[in-house]
Amino acid sequence: MTAALANARPLPLDARAIDDLVARVDAIVPPLAARVVGFVASGTGEGTSTLARSYARANAGKLGRNTLLLSTLPPVDGSQSLCDALRGGQPIDSVLGNKQRGLTEAALGLGLDHEDQPDYAWDLVTRRELWDFLRSRFDLIVLDMPAADISGACLQIGPQCDGVLVVLESARTRKPVVTQLLEDLQAVHVRVLGAVLNKRSFHLPARLYRWL
């Protein structure tokens, strides 16, 4: 599966392309039970977070799904992460934040440097009990993972997903780099749902493409 998000600017993404992406993922992983869908790119700056957020909002706002947008990184506002709560023995619900229009946002709280990451952190966030709990609370969990060139999170947490979408930036992402990412994901038994072509530029007025 390859979905083209036809917009060269980071925001806003083409709503029709996002709706198409939602439908394509639903066809591959039917929403019969709670699902975890991950987003990752091979390199930074390819629009993964923007795409994951748009996908989560479409599921929550248009389809009424109780959705959790979960970043693997620490919270940007300095609030507690799921890792903090688990380490301190606090209820996970206490750090899930406020729900707005069916969308809840939270952070796992993992740093970028895999080697410097405490072993307890990986142990906490890869426990099956955590993901079973999140699945019991939400219809859909959208996992926003850092690019593979700066973090190994996708290889550690990717196996918890029902499927992962690989984000490619149009005219930028190099084939050997993507091939390596796909091989690495396959090696840890991550199910790759497909690729999403992001930041595609139209060199002719978009309306003309309907006639080509």
C-alpha atoms as a PDB file:
ATOM      1  CA  MET A   1       0.000   0.000   0.000  1.00  0.00           C
ATOM      2  CA  THR A   2       1.297   3.434  -0.931  1.00  0.00           C
ATOM      3  CA  ALA A   3      -0.781   6.521  -0.234  1.00  0.00           C
ATOM      4  CA  ALA A   4       0.321   9.892  -1.615  1.00  0.00           C
ATOM      5  CA  LEU A   5      -0.357  12.887   0.586  1.00  0.00           C
ATOM      6  CA  ALA A   6      -0.445  15.602  -2.046  1.00  0.00           C
ATOM      7  CA  ASN A   7       0.805  18.699  -0.284  1.00  0.00           C
ATOM      8  CA  ALA A   8       4.319  20.096  -0.298  1.00  0.00           C
ATOM      9  CA  ARG A   9       3.847  22.101   2.916  1.00  0.00           C
ATOM     10  CA  PRO A  10       3.812  20.469   6.380  1.00  0.00           C
ATOM     11  CA  LEU A  11       0.333  21.834   7.120  1.00  0.00           C
ATOM     12  CA  PRO A  12      -2.398  21.313   6.268  1.00  0.00           C
ATOM     13  CA  LEU A  13      -2.357  17.832   4.832  1.00  0.00           C
ATOM     14  CA  ASP A  14      -4.869  16.941   2.161  1.00  0.00           C
ATOM     15  CA  ALA A  15      -7.975  15.829   4.076  1.00  0.00           C
ATOM     16  CA  ARG A  16      -9.039  13.507   1.276  1.00  0.00           C
ATOM     17  CA  ALA A  17      -5.660  11.787   1.304  1.00  0.00           C
ATOM     18  CA  ILE A  18      -5.898  11.317   5.079  1.00  0.00           C
ATOM     19  CA  ASP A  19      -9.399   9.861   4.718  1.00  0.00           C
ATOM     20  CA  ASP A  20      -8.060   7.518   2.052  1.00  0.00           C
ATOM     21  CA  LEU A  21      -5.234   6.459   4.359  1.00  0.00           C
ATOM     22  CA  VAL A  22      -7.729   5.708   7.148  1.00  0.00           C
ATOM     23  CA  ALA A  23      -9.796   3.591   4.771  1.00  0.00           C
ATOM     24  CA  ARG A  24      -6.747   1.706   3.493  1.00  0.00           C
ATOM     25  CA  VAL A  25      -5.538   0.854   6.983  1.00  0.00           C
ATOM     26  CA  ASP A  26      -9.060  -0.232   7.960  1.00  0.00           C
ATOM     27  CA  ALA A  27      -9.096  -2.583   4.969  1.00  0.00           C
ATOM     28  CA  ILE A  28      -5.807  -4.194   5.995  1.00  0.00           C
ATOM     29  CA  VAL A  29      -6.386  -4.223   9.766  1.00  0.00           C
ATOM     30  CA  PRO A  30     -10.182  -4.253  10.240  1.00  0.00           C
ATOM     31  CA  PRO A  31     -11.297  -2.204  13.277  1.00  0.00           C
ATOM     32  CA  LEU A  32     -13.002  -5.140  14.962  1.00  0.00           C
ATOM     33  CA  ALA A  33     -10.970  -4.696  18.144  1.00  0.00           C
ATOM     34  CA  ALA A  34      -8.574  -2.177  19.629  1.00  0.00           C
ATOM     35  CA  ARG A  35      -5.597  -1.587  17.338  1.00  0.00           C
ATOM     36  CA  VAL A  36      -2.134  -0.068  17.575  1.00  0.00           C
ATOM     37  CA  VAL A  37      -0.915   1.604  14.385  1.00  0.00           C
ATOM     38  CA  GLY A  38       2.623   2.980  14.304  1.00  0.00           C
ATOM     39  CA  PHE A  39       4.251   5.647  12.128  1.00  0.00           C
ATOM     40  CA  VAL A  40       7.994   5.825  11.492  1.00  0.00           C
ATOM     41  CA  ALA A  41      10.400   7.257   8.929  1.00  0.00           C
ATOM     42  CA  SER A  42      13.967   6.351   8.076  1.00  0.00           C
ATOM     43  CA  GLY A  43      15.158   9.943   8.533  1.00  0.00           C
ATOM     44  CA  THR A  44      14.189  13.038  10.483  1.00  0.00           C
ATOM     45  CA  GLY A  45      12.034  15.796   9.044  1.00  0.00           C
ATOM     46  CA  GLU A  46       9.875  13.587   6.843  1.00  0.00           C
ATOM     47  CA  GLY A  47       6.620  14.670   8.475  1.00  0.00           C
ATOM     48  CA  THR A  48       5.897  11.607  10.594  1.00  0.00           C
ATOM     49  CA  SER A  49       4.451  13.450  13.602  1.00  0.00           C
ATOM     50  CA  THR A  50       2.213  15.677  11.478  1.00  0.00           C
ATOM     51  CA  LEU A  51       0.934  12.657   9.572  1.00  0.00           C
ATOM     52  CA  ALA A  52       0.344  10.597  12.736  1.00  0.00           C
ATOM     53  CA  ARG A  53      -1.593  13.472  14.308  1.00  0.00           C
ATOM     54  CA  SER A  54      -3.733  13.971  11.202  1.00  0.00           C
ATOM     55  CA  TYR A  55      -4.479  10.246  11.057  1.00  0.00           C
ATOM     56  CA  ALA A  56      -5.422  10.192  14.744  1.00  0.00           C
ATOM     57  CA  ARG A  57      -7.676  13.230  14.404  1.00  0.00           C
ATOM     58  CA  ALA A  58      -9.470  11.766  11.406  1.00  0.00           C
ATOM     59  CA  ASN A  59     -10.211   8.553  13.296  1.00  0.00           C
ATOM     60  CA  ALA A  60     -11.391  10.426  16.380  1.00  0.00           C
ATOM     61  CA  GLY A  61     -13.262  13.318  14.807  1.00  0.00           C
ATOM     62  CA  LYS A  62     -14.819  11.815  11.702  1.00  0.00           C
ATOM     63  CA  LEU A  63     -15.303   8.211  12.767  1.00  0.00           C
ATOM     64  CA  GLY A  64     -15.912   8.751  16.487  1.00  0.00           C
ATOM     65  CA  ARG A  65     -13.191   6.341  17.586  1.00  0.00           C
ATOM     66  CA  ASN A  66     -11.770   6.712  21.065  1.00  0.00           C
ATOM     67  CA  THR A  67      -8.202   7.409  19.987  1.00  0.00           C
ATOM     68  CA  LEU A  68      -4.886   7.752  21.815  1.00  0.00           C
ATOM     69  CA  LEU A  69      -2.049   9.613  20.094  1.00  0.00           C
ATOM     70  CA  LEU A  70       1.045   8.282  21.815  1.00  0.00           C
ATOM     71  CA  SER A  71       4.521   9.705  21.283  1.00  0.00           C
ATOM     72  CA  THR A  72       7.498   7.615  22.316  1.00  0.00           C
ATOM     73  CA  LEU A  73       9.426  10.745  23.332  1.00  0.00           C
ATOM     74  CA  PRO A  74       9.227  12.587  26.680  1.00  0.00           C
ATOM     75  CA  PRO A  75       6.398  15.160  27.015  1.00  0.00           C
ATOM     76  CA  VAL A  76       7.383  18.546  25.605  1.00  0.00           C
ATOM     77  CA  ASP A  77       5.594  20.396  28.418  1.00  0.00           C
ATOM     78  CA  GLY A  78       7.490  18.638  31.182  1.00  0.00           C
ATOM     79  CA  SER A  79       4.462  16.668  32.383  1.00  0.00           C
ATOM     80  CA  GLN A  80       4.656  13.042  33.452  1.00  0.00           C
ATOM     81  CA  SER A  81       5.037  10.277  30.908  1.00  0.00           C
ATOM     82  CA  LEU A  82       3.701   6.740  31.007  1.00  0.00           C
ATOM     83  CA  CYS A  83       7.200   5.573  31.906  1.00  0.00           C
ATOM     84  CA  ASP A  84       7.228   7.985  34.875  1.00  0.00           C
ATOM     85  CA  ALA A  85       3.875   6.689  36.076  1.00  0.00           C
ATOM     86  CA  LEU A  86       4.855   3.048  35.726  1.00  0.00           C
ATOM     87  CA  ARG A  87       8.137   3.585  37.525  1.00  0.00           C
ATOM     88  CA  GLY A  88       6.404   5.432  40.369  1.00  0.00           C
ATOM     89  CA  GLY A  89       3.570   2.931  40.694  1.00  0.00           C
ATOM     90  CA  GLN A  90       0.967   5.514  39.678  1.00  0.00           C
ATOM     91  CA  PRO A  91      -2.198   4.723  37.717  1.00  0.00           C
ATOM     92  CA  ILE A  92      -1.683   5.069  33.974  1.00  0.00           C
ATOM     93  CA  ASP A  93      -4.953   6.980  33.693  1.00  0.00           C
ATOM     94  CA  SER A  94      -3.365   9.780  35.717  1.00  0.00           C
ATOM     95  CA  VAL A  95      -1.002  10.703  32.866  1.00  0.00           C
ATOM     96  CA  LEU A  96      -3.283  10.168  29.874  1.00  0.00           C
ATOM     97  CA  GLY A  97      -4.345  13.813  29.836  1.00  0.00           C
ATOM     98  CA  ASN A  98      -7.598  15.360  28.735  1.00  0.00           C
ATOM     99  CA  LYS A  99      -9.660  14.001  25.897  1.00  0.00           C
ATOM    100  CA  GLN A 100     -10.648  16.497  23.203  1.00  0.00           C
ATOM    101  CA  ARG A 101     -13.127  15.428  20.537  1.00  0.00           C
ATOM    102  CA  GLY A 102     -12.343  11.787  21.150  1.00  0.00           C
ATOM    103  CA  LEU A 103      -8.564  12.281  21.009  1.00  0.00           C
ATOM    104  CA  THR A 104      -6.265  11.764  23.990  1.00  0.00           C
ATOM    105  CA  GLU A 105      -2.541  12.551  23.861  1.00  0.00           C
ATOM    106  CA  ALA A 106       0.236  11.071  25.972  1.00  0.00           C
ATOM    107  CA  ALA A 107       3.946  10.231  25.852  1.00  0.00           C
ATOM    108  CA  LEU A 108       5.866   7.079  26.671  1.00  0.00           C
ATOM    109  CA  GLY A 109       8.855   9.157  27.784  1.00  0.00           C
ATOM    110  CA  LEU A 110      11.744   7.433  26.008  1.00  0.00           C
ATOM    111  CA  GLY A 111      14.854   9.409  25.062  1.00  0.00           C
ATOM    112  CA  LEU A 112      16.509   9.308  21.663  1.00  0.00           C
ATOM    113  CA  ASP A 113      19.791   7.697  22.662  1.00  0.00           C
ATOM    114  CA  HIS A 114      19.173   3.964  22.846  1.00  0.00           C
ATOM    115  CA  GLU A 115      22.465   3.161  24.560  1.00  0.00           C
ATOM    116  CA  ASP A 116      21.917   5.736  27.314  1.00  0.00           C
ATOM    117  CA  GLN A 117      18.293   4.718  27.863  1.00  0.00           C
ATOM    118  CA  PRO A 118      17.873   3.015  31.259  1.00  0.00           C
ATOM    119  CA  ASP A 119      17.067  -0.687  30.974  1.00  0.00           C
ATOM    120  CA  TYR A 120      14.039  -0.262  33.231  1.00  0.00           C
ATOM    121  CA  ALA A 121      12.486   2.154  30.736  1.00  0.00           C
ATOM    122  CA  TRP A 122      12.498  -0.345  27.875  1.00  0.00           C
ATOM    123  CA  ASP A 123      11.277  -3.044  30.221  1.00  0.00           C
ATOM    124  CA  LEU A 124       8.357  -0.895  31.383  1.00  0.00           C
ATOM    125  CA  VAL A 125       7.119   0.281  27.991  1.00  0.00           C
ATOM    126  CA  THR A 126       7.421  -3.067  26.218  1.00  0.00           C
ATOM    127  CA  ARG A 127       5.443  -5.057  28.759  1.00  0.00           C
ATOM    128  CA  ARG A 128       2.412  -6.745  27.292  1.00  0.00           C
ATOM    129  CA  GLU A 129       0.382  -5.676  30.321  1.00  0.00           C
ATOM    130  CA  LEU A 130       0.790  -2.006  29.397  1.00  0.00           C
ATOM    131  CA  TRP A 131      -0.430  -2.490  25.853  1.00  0.00           C
ATOM    132  CA  ASP A 132      -3.292  -4.734  26.954  1.00  0.00           C
ATOM    133  CA  PHE A 133      -4.344  -1.955  29.337  1.00  0.00           C
ATOM    134  CA  LEU A 134      -4.204   0.708  26.618  1.00  0.00           C
ATOM    135  CA  ARG A 135      -6.170  -1.508  24.250  1.00  0.00           C
ATOM    136  CA  SER A 136      -8.823  -1.894  26.925  1.00  0.00           C
ATOM    137  CA  ARG A 137      -9.171   1.901  27.166  1.00  0.00           C
ATOM    138  CA  PHE A 138      -9.053   2.921  23.500  1.00  0.00           C
ATOM    139  CA  ASP A 139     -10.380   1.839  20.120  1.00  0.00           C
ATOM    140  CA  LEU A 140      -7.206   2.987  18.394  1.00  0.00           C
ATOM    141  CA  ILE A 141      -3.688   3.807  19.561  1.00  0.00           C
ATOM    142  CA  VAL A 142      -1.596   5.816  17.097  1.00  0.00           C
ATOM    143  CA  LEU A 143       2.087   5.470  17.900  1.00  0.00           C
ATOM    144  CA  ASP A 144       4.328   8.336  16.757  1.00  0.00           C
ATOM    145  CA  MET A 145       7.901   7.020  16.698  1.00  0.00           C
ATOM    146  CA  PRO A 146      11.128   8.972  16.062  1.00  0.00           C
ATOM    147  CA  ALA A 147      12.992   8.412  12.827  1.00  0.00           C
ATOM    148  CA  ALA A 148      15.110   5.286  12.682  1.00  0.00           C
ATOM    149  CA  ASP A 149      18.299   7.310  12.117  1.00  0.00           C
ATOM    150  CA  ILE A 150      18.102   8.858  15.607  1.00  0.00           C
ATOM    151  CA  SER A 151      16.320   6.226  17.691  1.00  0.00           C
ATOM    152  CA  GLY A 152      15.821   2.487  17.939  1.00  0.00           C
ATOM    153  CA  ALA A 153      12.322   2.878  19.378  1.00  0.00           C
ATOM    154  CA  CYS A 154      10.646   1.488  16.273  1.00  0.00           C
ATOM    155  CA  LEU A 155      12.525  -1.784  16.682  1.00  0.00           C
ATOM    156  CA  GLN A 156      11.755  -2.024  20.402  1.00  0.00           C
ATOM    157  CA  ILE A 157       8.101  -0.971  20.364  1.00  0.00           C
ATOM    158  CA  GLY A 158       7.160  -1.789  16.782  1.00  0.00           C
ATOM    159  CA  PRO A 159       6.365  -5.430  17.665  1.00  0.00           C
ATOM    160  CA  GLN A 160       3.594  -4.131  19.959  1.00  0.00           C
ATOM    161  CA  CYS A 161       1.814  -2.655  16.924  1.00  0.00           C
ATOM    162  CA  ASP A 162      -0.750  -4.373  14.756  1.00  0.00           C
ATOM    163  CA  GLY A 163       0.989  -2.657  11.889  1.00  0.00           C
ATOM    164  CA  VAL A 164       3.454   0.107  11.070  1.00  0.00           C
ATOM    165  CA  LEU A 165       3.349   2.670   8.273  1.00  0.00           C
ATOM    166  CA  VAL A 166       6.675   3.836   6.878  1.00  0.00           C
ATOM    167  CA  VAL A 167       6.675   7.531   5.966  1.00  0.00           C
ATOM    168  CA  LEU A 168       8.654   8.608   2.902  1.00  0.00           C
ATOM    169  CA  GLU A 169       9.321  12.204   1.921  1.00  0.00           C
ATOM    170  CA  SER A 170       8.827  12.728  -1.790  1.00  0.00           C
ATOM    171  CA  ALA A 171      12.035  13.351  -3.743  1.00  0.00           C
ATOM    172  CA  ARG A 172      14.144  13.012  -0.591  1.00  0.00           C
ATOM    173  CA  THR A 173      14.075   9.551   0.956  1.00  0.00           C
ATOM    174  CA  ARG A 174      16.780   7.319  -0.495  1.00  0.00           C
ATOM    175  CA  LYS A 175      15.892   3.759  -1.477  1.00  0.00           C
ATOM    176  CA  PRO A 176      18.842   2.028   0.294  1.00  0.00           C
ATOM    177  CA  VAL A 177      17.939   3.735   3.566  1.00  0.00           C
ATOM    178  CA  VAL A 178      14.314   2.661   3.323  1.00  0.00           C
ATOM    179  CA  THR A 179      15.324  -0.863   2.343  1.00  0.00           C
ATOM    180  CA  GLN A 180      17.496  -1.101   5.454  1.00  0.00           C
ATOM    181  CA  LEU A 181      14.636   0.117   7.665  1.00  0.00           C
ATOM    182  CA  LEU A 182      12.254  -2.440   6.176  1.00  0.00           C
ATOM    183  CA  GLU A 183      14.785  -5.225   6.706  1.00  0.00           C
ATOM    184  CA  ASP A 184      15.342  -4.146  10.306  1.00  0.00           C
ATOM    185  CA  LEU A 185      11.609  -4.074  10.994  1.00  0.00           C
ATOM    186  CA  GLN A 186      11.148  -7.485   9.413  1.00  0.00           C
ATOM    187  CA  ALA A 187      13.965  -8.899  11.544  1.00  0.00           C
ATOM    188  CA  VAL A 188      12.038  -8.085  14.743  1.00  0.00           C
ATOM    189  CA  HIS A 189       8.727  -9.289  13.272  1.00  0.00           C
ATOM    190  CA  VAL A 190       7.093  -5.893  12.784  1.00  0.00           C
ATOM    191  CA  ARG A 191       4.191  -5.960  10.360  1.00  0.00           C
ATOM    192  CA  VAL A 192       4.659  -3.200   7.778  1.00  0.00           C
ATOM    193  CA  LEU A 193       1.296  -2.091   6.420  1.00  0.00           C
ATOM    194  CA  GLY A 194       2.744   0.000   3.625  1.00  0.00           C
ATOM    195  CA  ALA A 195       4.453   3.258   2.762  1.00  0.00           C
ATOM    196  CA  VAL A 196       3.046   6.775   2.814  1.00  0.00           C
ATOM    197  CA  LEU A 197       4.477   9.274   0.354  1.00  0.00           C
ATOM    198  CA  ASN A 198       4.481  12.612   2.163  1.00  0.00           C
ATOM    199  CA  LYS A 199       5.154  16.214   1.043  1.00  0.00           C
ATOM    200  CA  ARG A 200       4.519  15.457  -2.595  1.00  0.00           C
ATOM    201  CA  SER A 201       4.822  18.527  -4.821  1.00  0.00           C
ATOM    202  CA  PHE A 202       2.657  19.212  -7.839  1.00  0.00           C
ATOM    203  CA  HIS A 203       4.550  20.995 -10.614  1.00  0.00           C
ATOM    204  CA  LEU A 204       1.291  21.715 -12.433  1.00  0.00           C
ATOM    205  CA  PRO A 205      -1.905  23.128 -10.915  1.00  0.00           C
ATOM    206  CA  ALA A 206      -3.483  20.299  -8.909  1.00  0.00           C
ATOM    207  CA  ARG A 207      -6.761  20.480 -10.871  1.00  0.00           C
ATOM    208  CA  LEU A 208      -4.929  19.565 -14.084  1.00  0.00           C
ATOM    209  CA  TYR A 209      -3.873  16.215 -12.636  1.00  0.00           C
ATOM    210  CA  ARG A 210      -7.501  15.115 -12.794  1.00  0.00           C
ATOM    211  CA  TRP A 211      -7.201  15.207 -16.582  1.00  0.00           C
ATOM    212  CA  LEU A 212      -3.839  13.453 -16.870  1.00  0.00           C
END
